[in-house]
Protein backbone atom coordinates (compact mmCIF):
# COMPACT_ATOMS: atom_id res chain seq x y z
CA MET A 1 1.13 -0.88 107.52
CA MET A 2 -2.37 -1.58 108.79
CA GLN A 3 -2.76 -4.96 110.48
CA PRO A 4 -5.90 -7.01 109.77
CA MET A 5 -8.18 -7.55 112.74
CA THR A 6 -9.56 -10.92 111.69
CA ASP A 7 -10.74 -13.07 114.59
CA GLN A 8 -9.95 -16.68 113.70
CA GLN A 9 -12.87 -17.83 115.88
CA ASN A 10 -15.24 -16.31 113.31
CA PHE A 11 -14.37 -19.17 110.94
CA GLY A 12 -16.20 -22.46 111.34
CA PRO A 13 -14.68 -25.84 110.53
CA PRO A 14 -13.65 -25.95 106.86
CA VAL A 15 -15.53 -28.06 104.35
CA GLN A 16 -13.85 -30.35 101.85
CA GLY A 17 -14.07 -29.37 98.21
CA PRO A 18 -14.26 -31.64 95.15
CA GLU A 19 -10.46 -31.74 94.86
CA GLY A 20 -9.92 -32.46 98.55
CA GLU A 21 -8.97 -28.87 99.43
CA ALA A 22 -10.26 -27.04 102.49
CA TRP A 23 -12.92 -24.43 101.75
CA MET A 24 -14.36 -21.79 104.03
CA ALA A 25 -17.45 -22.98 105.89
CA PRO A 26 -20.85 -21.53 104.94
CA VAL A 27 -21.83 -18.30 106.70
CA GLY A 28 -24.78 -18.51 109.10
CA GLU A 29 -27.99 -16.91 107.86
CA GLN A 30 -28.00 -14.46 110.78
CA MET A 31 -24.67 -13.06 109.54
CA VAL A 32 -25.79 -12.43 105.95
CA PRO A 33 -26.61 -8.75 105.23
CA LEU A 34 -29.89 -7.84 103.60
CA ASN A 35 -29.81 -7.83 99.79
CA CYS A 36 -26.39 -9.50 99.76
CA PRO A 37 -25.61 -10.92 96.31
CA PRO A 38 -25.52 -14.74 96.45
CA GLY A 39 -22.03 -15.98 97.24
CA LEU A 40 -20.71 -12.70 98.64
CA GLU A 41 -21.87 -13.56 102.16
CA TYR A 42 -18.42 -15.12 102.71
CA LEU A 43 -16.91 -11.64 102.49
CA THR A 44 -18.87 -10.41 105.53
CA MET A 45 -16.51 -12.43 107.78
CA ILE A 46 -13.28 -11.31 106.12
CA ASP A 47 -10.95 -8.31 106.29
CA GLN A 48 -8.06 -9.98 104.49
CA LEU A 49 -7.75 -12.15 101.38
CA ILE A 50 -4.83 -13.93 99.80
CA VAL A 51 -4.86 -14.34 96.01
CA LYS A 52 -2.56 -17.12 94.78
CA GLN A 53 -1.99 -17.71 91.09
CA LYS A 54 -1.72 -21.32 89.99
CA LEU A 55 1.60 -22.28 88.43
CA GLU A 56 1.15 -23.77 84.97
CA ALA A 57 3.96 -26.27 84.39
CA LEU A 58 3.91 -25.94 80.58
CA GLU A 59 4.13 -22.16 80.78
CA ALA A 60 6.97 -22.34 83.31
CA ILE A 61 8.97 -24.68 81.03
CA ALA A 62 8.33 -22.39 78.06
CA GLY A 63 9.50 -19.43 80.14
CA VAL A 64 12.82 -21.11 80.94
CA MET A 65 13.29 -21.85 77.22
CA GLY A 66 12.37 -18.28 76.23
CA ALA A 67 9.28 -19.35 74.31
CA ASN A 68 6.17 -17.19 74.05
CA LEU A 69 3.46 -19.35 75.58
CA GLU A 70 0.64 -17.83 77.60
CA THR A 71 -2.06 -19.95 79.21
CA ALA A 72 -5.25 -18.67 80.82
CA ASN A 73 -4.53 -17.52 84.36
CA LYS A 74 -6.07 -19.42 87.28
CA TYR A 75 -6.20 -18.29 90.89
CA LYS A 76 -7.29 -19.42 94.33
CA ILE A 77 -8.67 -16.76 96.68
CA LYS A 78 -8.12 -17.74 100.32
CA ASN A 79 -8.82 -16.42 103.81
CA VAL A 80 -6.12 -15.99 106.47
CA MET A 81 -6.64 -19.60 107.59
CA GLY A 82 -5.60 -20.83 104.15
CA GLN A 83 -9.14 -21.96 103.33
CA ASN A 84 -10.39 -21.40 99.80
CA VAL A 85 -13.08 -18.74 99.51
CA PHE A 86 -13.30 -18.51 95.71
CA LYS A 87 -11.54 -19.80 92.63
CA ALA A 88 -10.98 -17.66 89.53
CA LYS A 89 -10.22 -18.48 85.91
CA GLU A 90 -9.48 -16.18 83.00
CA ASP A 91 -11.76 -16.62 79.97
CA THR A 92 -9.78 -15.67 76.85
CA ASP A 93 -8.61 -17.38 73.67
CA CYS A 94 -5.01 -18.28 72.87
CA CYS A 95 -4.67 -15.74 70.04
CA THR A 96 -5.76 -12.87 72.28
CA ARG A 97 -3.32 -13.88 75.02
CA ILE A 98 -0.37 -14.07 72.60
CA ALA A 99 -1.22 -10.99 70.52
CA CYS A 100 -2.18 -8.61 73.34
CA GLY A 101 -0.10 -9.99 76.19
CA PRO A 102 -0.73 -8.30 79.56
CA ALA A 103 -2.87 -5.61 77.88
CA ARG A 104 -5.41 -8.19 76.71
CA PRO A 105 -9.12 -7.82 77.37
CA PHE A 106 -10.54 -10.59 79.50
CA ASP A 107 -13.47 -11.98 81.38
CA MET A 108 -12.67 -13.46 84.78
CA ILE A 109 -15.07 -16.05 86.17
CA ILE A 110 -15.00 -16.35 89.95
CA LYS A 111 -16.77 -19.34 91.50
CA ASP A 112 -17.48 -20.69 94.97
CA ASN A 113 -17.14 -24.21 96.36
CA ALA A 114 -20.39 -25.27 94.72
CA ASP A 115 -18.94 -24.30 91.32
CA ARG A 116 -21.46 -21.44 91.17
CA GLU A 117 -20.29 -18.27 89.42
CA VAL A 118 -20.64 -15.53 92.04
CA ILE A 119 -18.51 -12.71 90.57
CA HIS A 120 -17.83 -11.82 86.94
CA LEU A 121 -15.09 -9.40 85.89
CA ASN A 122 -14.85 -7.78 82.47
CA ARG A 123 -11.83 -5.83 81.26
CA PRO A 124 -12.27 -4.20 77.83
CA LEU A 125 -9.35 -3.54 75.50
CA ARG A 126 -7.88 -0.19 76.51
CA CYS A 127 -4.57 1.62 76.34
CA SER A 128 -2.42 1.52 79.49
CA SER A 129 0.00 4.28 78.50
CA CYS A 130 0.05 7.58 80.39
CA CYS A 131 0.25 9.29 76.98
CA PHE A 132 -3.39 8.45 76.18
CA PRO A 133 -5.60 9.83 78.99
CA CYS A 134 -8.77 9.44 76.92
CA CYS A 135 -8.57 5.64 76.85
CA LEU A 136 -7.59 4.50 80.33
CA GLN A 137 -7.99 1.09 81.91
CA SER A 138 -11.28 0.05 83.48
CA LEU A 139 -12.82 -3.09 84.89
CA GLU A 140 -16.50 -3.93 85.45
CA VAL A 141 -17.54 -6.11 88.39
CA SER A 142 -20.85 -7.99 88.40
CA SER A 143 -22.47 -10.11 91.12
CA PRO A 144 -24.45 -12.11 90.33
CA PRO A 145 -23.27 -12.18 86.69
CA GLY A 146 -25.23 -9.60 84.72
CA THR A 147 -25.80 -7.29 87.70
CA VAL A 148 -23.10 -4.61 87.89
CA ILE A 149 -22.01 -3.78 91.44
CA GLY A 150 -18.95 -1.64 90.80
CA TYR A 151 -16.12 -0.43 88.60
CA VAL A 152 -12.38 0.06 88.87
CA ASN A 153 -11.28 3.04 86.77
CA GLN A 154 -7.71 4.14 86.16
CA LYS A 155 -7.02 7.83 86.74
CA TRP A 156 -4.63 9.73 84.49
CA THR A 157 -1.22 10.09 86.14
CA CYS A 158 2.33 10.38 84.83
CA ILE A 159 4.23 8.24 87.36
CA LYS A 160 2.31 6.88 90.34
CA PRO A 161 -0.68 4.75 89.27
CA GLU A 162 -4.07 5.66 90.74
CA PHE A 163 -7.51 4.09 90.48
CA GLU A 164 -11.04 4.93 91.54
CA VAL A 165 -13.25 2.22 93.01
CA THR A 166 -16.87 3.13 92.38
CA ASP A 167 -20.30 1.64 92.94
CA ALA A 168 -22.64 0.68 90.11
CA ASP A 169 -23.78 4.32 89.75
CA GLY A 170 -20.24 5.65 89.43
CA ASN A 171 -20.01 7.11 92.94
CA VAL A 172 -16.44 6.95 94.22
CA ALA A 173 -16.16 4.67 97.27
CA LEU A 174 -12.37 4.32 97.53
CA LEU A 175 -9.12 5.35 95.87
CA ILE A 176 -6.13 3.13 95.20
CA LYS A 177 -2.69 4.75 95.07
CA GLY A 178 0.30 2.79 93.79
CA PRO A 179 4.03 3.35 94.21
CA TRP A 180 6.27 5.23 91.78
CA CYS A 181 8.20 2.00 91.21
CA THR A 182 6.46 -1.36 90.68
CA PHE A 183 9.65 -3.43 90.46
CA SER A 184 9.20 -6.53 92.60
CA CYS A 185 12.78 -7.08 93.78
CA ALA A 186 12.99 -9.23 96.92
CA GLY A 187 10.11 -7.35 98.53
CA ASP A 188 6.40 -6.60 98.37
CA VAL A 189 4.91 -3.87 96.18
CA GLU A 190 2.18 -1.94 98.00
CA PHE A 191 -0.92 -0.25 96.54
CA LYS A 192 -2.66 1.75 99.25
CA ILE A 193 -6.47 1.75 99.54
CA MET A 194 -7.58 5.23 100.58
CA THR A 195 -10.78 7.03 101.53
CA PRO A 196 -12.40 8.99 98.66
CA ASP A 197 -10.69 12.21 99.76
CA GLY A 198 -7.31 10.47 99.62
CA GLU A 199 -6.50 11.40 103.21
CA HIS A 200 -6.75 8.12 105.13
CA GLU A 201 -5.45 4.63 104.39
CA VAL A 202 -8.00 1.88 105.03
CA GLY A 203 -6.31 -1.11 103.43
CA ARG A 204 -3.76 -2.35 100.91
CA ILE A 205 -3.32 -4.51 97.85
CA SER A 206 0.15 -6.04 98.15
CA LYS A 207 2.02 -7.89 95.42
CA GLN A 208 4.00 -10.43 97.43
CA TRP A 209 7.54 -11.53 96.60
CA THR A 210 7.41 -15.21 95.56
CA GLY A 211 11.11 -15.99 95.28
CA LEU A 212 13.82 -15.44 92.69
CA LEU A 213 13.11 -18.43 90.44
CA LYS A 214 9.36 -17.93 90.29
CA GLU A 215 9.74 -14.21 89.70
CA ALA A 216 12.32 -14.73 86.96
CA PHE A 217 10.80 -17.58 84.97
CA THR A 218 7.05 -17.48 85.58
CA ASP A 219 4.27 -14.93 85.87
CA MET A 220 2.84 -16.64 88.97
CA ASP A 221 1.89 -13.76 91.27
CA ASN A 222 0.58 -13.77 94.83
CA PHE A 223 -1.33 -10.87 96.34
CA GLY A 224 -2.70 -9.88 99.72
CA ILE A 225 -5.76 -7.65 100.08
CA THR A 226 -6.74 -5.95 103.34
CA PHE A 227 -9.83 -3.82 103.92
CA PRO A 228 -12.17 -2.85 106.78
CA MET A 229 -14.29 -5.71 108.12
CA ASP A 230 -17.45 -3.58 107.89
CA LEU A 231 -16.88 -2.54 104.27
CA ASP A 232 -19.83 -3.35 102.00
CA VAL A 233 -19.43 -6.79 100.41
CA ARG A 234 -19.96 -5.26 96.95
CA CYS A 235 -17.02 -2.97 97.52
CA LYS A 236 -14.91 -5.88 98.79
CA ALA A 237 -15.74 -7.81 95.62
CA THR A 238 -14.77 -4.78 93.53
CA LEU A 239 -11.41 -4.65 95.33
CA ILE A 240 -10.85 -8.26 94.26
CA GLY A 241 -11.38 -7.03 90.71
CA ALA A 242 -8.91 -4.20 91.33
CA CYS A 243 -6.32 -6.75 92.41
CA PHE A 244 -6.64 -8.64 89.13
CA LEU A 245 -6.46 -5.43 87.07
CA ILE A 246 -3.28 -4.40 88.91
CA ASP A 247 -1.80 -7.85 88.31
CA TYR A 248 -2.34 -7.67 84.55
CA MET A 249 -1.23 -4.05 84.24
CA PHE A 250 2.00 -4.23 86.24
CA PHE A 251 3.08 -7.81 86.95
CA GLU A 252 1.92 -10.04 84.10
CA LYS A 253 4.68 -11.12 81.71
CA LYS A 254 4.78 -11.28 77.93
CA ALA A 255 7.32 -13.55 76.27
CA ASN A 256 9.12 -13.96 79.59
CA GLU A 257 9.51 -10.19 80.02
CA ASP A 258 8.41 -8.36 83.15
CA SER A 259 5.79 -5.63 83.00
CA ASP A 260 6.89 -4.08 86.27
CA GLY A 261 8.86 -0.87 86.13
CA LEU A 262 8.56 2.81 86.97
CA GLY A 263 4.88 3.28 87.83
CA MET A 264 2.89 4.15 84.71
CA MET A 265 6.05 3.87 82.60
CA SER A 266 6.02 0.07 83.07
């Protein structure tokens, strides 16, 4: 597995957020690329992110009791120092979450420390079955909101899941190749990030094992994302979107039932 090359000295002293948590320090103006969407300058200093889903106590209790309760997912996106970079919250209604479960359409609002929306994700209602290649999963990534910077598009496969990561014009920048089995059983599940020709691995999206109790009774998922330091910040933001799409497709629960299974058969 590729090891991230993050230099911890690149991170300045953390700043304190409204809730007392440590947030990544602002990036110096000399480090911000030209035409960088506002808020994505943080990603210039990063080659690894940790996505941690917030545990909702009410949902966890309902899971133990076998009840069908689904709250809007919330996440913290952190750097390797454990400092918050972004926070994300699903924007859906209760009826959609219960009726559609993990297949639900959603908007994901991703904000920075100043509570400014910097990335917006939109997942339309699509079929996730390998039997319907004409209606595959997709996710649109905008930054700032309203300005599309990329897409994540599912490719038709029978077993191993695959996705294309494209820019706003549909040009393929990266491929994501998943495993034939997405069961998370006492170990990580790896989705490899590949060059467009599929020949070279440049990063990974890893669903991390969170422990037996959390895996069994909650849908709280943790992910790691690695990518090249010099990758365009728009592409890095699109990979964050890919991480959320993978979470909902393969690891989100409905009525306390796992979605993970045999690749596209899950």
